[in-house]
Amino acid sequence: MKSSLLVGLVLAAGVSNVALANADLAKAKNCMACHSVTNKVLGPSFKDVGAKYAGQKGAEDKLVQKIIKGGSGTWGTVPMPANAQVSDAEAHTLVKWILSLK
């Protein structure tokens, strides 16, 4: 019993660190200038994006392209600018994190 509790705590700590690391990546790539995790800023909250795209086929690739190339019209009139400073791998990491927030 004690060992399974310990394993659970270690796994939970690892998941928490991954979520924190991805929030840090979002801050480092200036995503937080227009988004927040829970509230609309200029763009939608990451939780709203995660909820909207949850379970949709191809959502990860679609959102990766929106991060890198930008987009408009999905969430209103304010366009999302292209983010050339975000690599493909970083965009995938960010999108996986965002989709997990639903």
C-alpha atoms as a PDB file:
ATOM      1  CA  MET A   1       0.000   0.000   0.000  1.00  0.00           C
ATOM      2  CA  LYS A   2       2.740   2.466   0.935  1.00  0.00           C
ATOM      3  CA  SER A   3       4.688   1.774  -2.254  1.00  0.00           C
ATOM      4  CA  SER A   4       1.667   2.355  -4.498  1.00  0.00           C
ATOM      5  CA  LEU A   5       0.959   5.645  -2.709  1.00  0.00           C
ATOM      6  CA  LEU A   6       4.569   6.689  -3.198  1.00  0.00           C
ATOM      7  CA  VAL A   7       4.450   5.778  -6.898  1.00  0.00           C
ATOM      8  CA  GLY A   8       1.229   7.787  -7.269  1.00  0.00           C
ATOM      9  CA  LEU A   9       2.776  10.827  -5.621  1.00  0.00           C
ATOM     10  CA  VAL A  10       5.862  10.619  -7.820  1.00  0.00           C
ATOM     11  CA  LEU A  11       3.727  10.339 -10.968  1.00  0.00           C
ATOM     12  CA  ALA A  12       1.519  13.239  -9.896  1.00  0.00           C
ATOM     13  CA  ALA A  13       4.592  15.386  -9.270  1.00  0.00           C
ATOM     14  CA  GLY A  14       5.890  14.556 -12.744  1.00  0.00           C
ATOM     15  CA  VAL A  15       2.599  15.516 -14.386  1.00  0.00           C
ATOM     16  CA  SER A  16       2.505  18.752 -12.389  1.00  0.00           C
ATOM     17  CA  ASN A  17       6.048  19.612 -13.492  1.00  0.00           C
ATOM     18  CA  VAL A  18       5.166  18.948 -17.145  1.00  0.00           C
ATOM     19  CA  ALA A  19       2.146  21.260 -16.912  1.00  0.00           C
ATOM     20  CA  LEU A  20       4.268  23.922 -15.245  1.00  0.00           C
ATOM     21  CA  ALA A  21       7.007  23.520 -17.842  1.00  0.00           C
ATOM     22  CA  ASN A  22       4.498  24.061 -20.656  1.00  0.00           C
ATOM     23  CA  ALA A  23       3.088  27.168 -18.969  1.00  0.00           C
ATOM     24  CA  ASP A  24       6.673  28.393 -18.757  1.00  0.00           C
ATOM     25  CA  LEU A  25       7.122  27.682 -22.471  1.00  0.00           C
ATOM     26  CA  ALA A  26       3.954  29.670 -23.210  1.00  0.00           C
ATOM     27  CA  LYS A  27       5.379  32.579 -21.218  1.00  0.00           C
ATOM     28  CA  ALA A  28       8.775  32.299 -22.903  1.00  0.00           C
ATOM     29  CA  LYS A  29       7.201  32.371 -26.372  1.00  0.00           C
ATOM     30  CA  ASN A  30       5.032  35.412 -25.489  1.00  0.00           C
ATOM     31  CA  CYS A  31       1.747  33.498 -25.711  1.00  0.00           C
ATOM     32  CA  MET A  32       0.681  35.063 -22.413  1.00  0.00           C
ATOM     33  CA  ALA A  33       0.723  38.525 -23.983  1.00  0.00           C
ATOM     34  CA  CYS A  34      -2.630  37.680 -25.615  1.00  0.00           C
ATOM     35  CA  HIS A  35      -3.840  34.570 -23.750  1.00  0.00           C
ATOM     36  CA  SER A  36      -4.174  33.301 -20.211  1.00  0.00           C
ATOM     37  CA  VAL A  37      -4.909  29.830 -18.921  1.00  0.00           C
ATOM     38  CA  THR A  38      -8.367  30.629 -17.560  1.00  0.00           C
ATOM     39  CA  ASN A  39      -9.509  34.051 -18.846  1.00  0.00           C
ATOM     40  CA  LYS A  40      -9.972  35.708 -22.219  1.00  0.00           C
ATOM     41  CA  VAL A  41      -7.408  38.455 -22.821  1.00  0.00           C
ATOM     42  CA  LEU A  42      -7.045  39.517 -26.479  1.00  0.00           C
ATOM     43  CA  GLY A  43      -7.418  35.896 -27.498  1.00  0.00           C
ATOM     44  CA  PRO A  44      -9.371  33.077 -25.878  1.00  0.00           C
ATOM     45  CA  SER A  45      -8.212  31.351 -22.720  1.00  0.00           C
ATOM     46  CA  PHE A  46      -6.212  28.192 -23.213  1.00  0.00           C
ATOM     47  CA  LYS A  47      -8.953  26.274 -21.360  1.00  0.00           C
ATOM     48  CA  ASP A  48     -11.544  27.540 -23.865  1.00  0.00           C
ATOM     49  CA  VAL A  49      -9.330  26.485 -26.778  1.00  0.00           C
ATOM     50  CA  GLY A  50      -8.789  23.071 -25.186  1.00  0.00           C
ATOM     51  CA  ALA A  51     -12.534  22.610 -24.682  1.00  0.00           C
ATOM     52  CA  LYS A  52     -13.412  23.732 -28.224  1.00  0.00           C
ATOM     53  CA  TYR A  53     -10.973  21.359 -29.909  1.00  0.00           C
ATOM     54  CA  ALA A  54     -11.184  18.411 -27.482  1.00  0.00           C
ATOM     55  CA  GLY A  55     -11.605  15.139 -29.346  1.00  0.00           C
ATOM     56  CA  GLN A  56     -11.569  16.709 -32.809  1.00  0.00           C
ATOM     57  CA  LYS A  57      -9.665  14.747 -35.407  1.00  0.00           C
ATOM     58  CA  GLY A  58      -6.619  16.682 -36.599  1.00  0.00           C
ATOM     59  CA  ALA A  59      -6.965  19.330 -33.873  1.00  0.00           C
ATOM     60  CA  GLU A  60      -3.326  19.136 -32.815  1.00  0.00           C
ATOM     61  CA  ASP A  61      -1.955  19.714 -36.319  1.00  0.00           C
ATOM     62  CA  LYS A  62      -4.521  22.454 -37.010  1.00  0.00           C
ATOM     63  CA  LEU A  63      -3.608  24.340 -33.836  1.00  0.00           C
ATOM     64  CA  VAL A  64       0.128  23.908 -34.435  1.00  0.00           C
ATOM     65  CA  GLN A  65      -0.315  25.608 -37.800  1.00  0.00           C
ATOM     66  CA  LYS A  66      -2.350  28.422 -36.204  1.00  0.00           C
ATOM     67  CA  ILE A  67       0.427  29.039 -33.698  1.00  0.00           C
ATOM     68  CA  ILE A  68       3.141  29.128 -36.341  1.00  0.00           C
ATOM     69  CA  LYS A  69       1.275  30.821 -39.225  1.00  0.00           C
ATOM     70  CA  GLY A  70      -1.380  32.808 -37.345  1.00  0.00           C
ATOM     71  CA  GLY A  71      -5.073  32.892 -38.095  1.00  0.00           C
ATOM     72  CA  SER A  72      -8.287  34.872 -37.858  1.00  0.00           C
ATOM     73  CA  GLY A  73     -12.030  34.577 -37.578  1.00  0.00           C
ATOM     74  CA  THR A  74     -12.287  31.585 -35.254  1.00  0.00           C
ATOM     75  CA  TRP A  75     -12.577  33.582 -32.018  1.00  0.00           C
ATOM     76  CA  GLY A  76     -13.688  36.981 -33.275  1.00  0.00           C
ATOM     77  CA  THR A  77     -12.200  39.842 -35.214  1.00  0.00           C
ATOM     78  CA  VAL A  78      -8.780  40.082 -33.565  1.00  0.00           C
ATOM     79  CA  PRO A  79      -6.305  38.076 -35.694  1.00  0.00           C
ATOM     80  CA  MET A  80      -3.650  35.877 -34.153  1.00  0.00           C
ATOM     81  CA  PRO A  81      -0.268  36.876 -35.570  1.00  0.00           C
ATOM     82  CA  ALA A  82       2.223  34.356 -36.910  1.00  0.00           C
ATOM     83  CA  ASN A  83       4.760  33.158 -34.351  1.00  0.00           C
ATOM     84  CA  ALA A  84       7.884  32.359 -36.326  1.00  0.00           C
ATOM     85  CA  GLN A  85       9.925  32.196 -33.106  1.00  0.00           C
ATOM     86  CA  VAL A  86       8.028  29.026 -32.113  1.00  0.00           C
ATOM     87  CA  SER A  87       9.503  25.826 -33.544  1.00  0.00           C
ATOM     88  CA  ASP A  88       7.320  22.980 -34.775  1.00  0.00           C
ATOM     89  CA  ALA A  89       8.307  20.865 -31.750  1.00  0.00           C
ATOM     90  CA  GLU A  90       7.528  23.722 -29.343  1.00  0.00           C
ATOM     91  CA  ALA A  91       4.162  24.313 -31.014  1.00  0.00           C
ATOM     92  CA  HIS A  92       3.282  20.617 -30.607  1.00  0.00           C
ATOM     93  CA  THR A  93       4.269  20.776 -26.937  1.00  0.00           C
ATOM     94  CA  LEU A  94       2.127  23.863 -26.406  1.00  0.00           C
ATOM     95  CA  VAL A  95      -0.874  22.390 -28.214  1.00  0.00           C
ATOM     96  CA  LYS A  96      -0.732  19.117 -26.281  1.00  0.00           C
ATOM     97  CA  TRP A  97      -0.694  21.141 -23.073  1.00  0.00           C
ATOM     98  CA  ILE A  98      -3.566  23.382 -24.217  1.00  0.00           C
ATOM     99  CA  LEU A  99      -5.674  20.385 -25.249  1.00  0.00           C
ATOM    100  CA  SER A 100      -5.083  18.818 -21.828  1.00  0.00           C
ATOM    101  CA  LEU A 101      -6.628  21.875 -20.113  1.00  0.00           C
ATOM    102  CA  LYS A 102     -10.179  21.294 -21.322  1.00  0.00           C
END
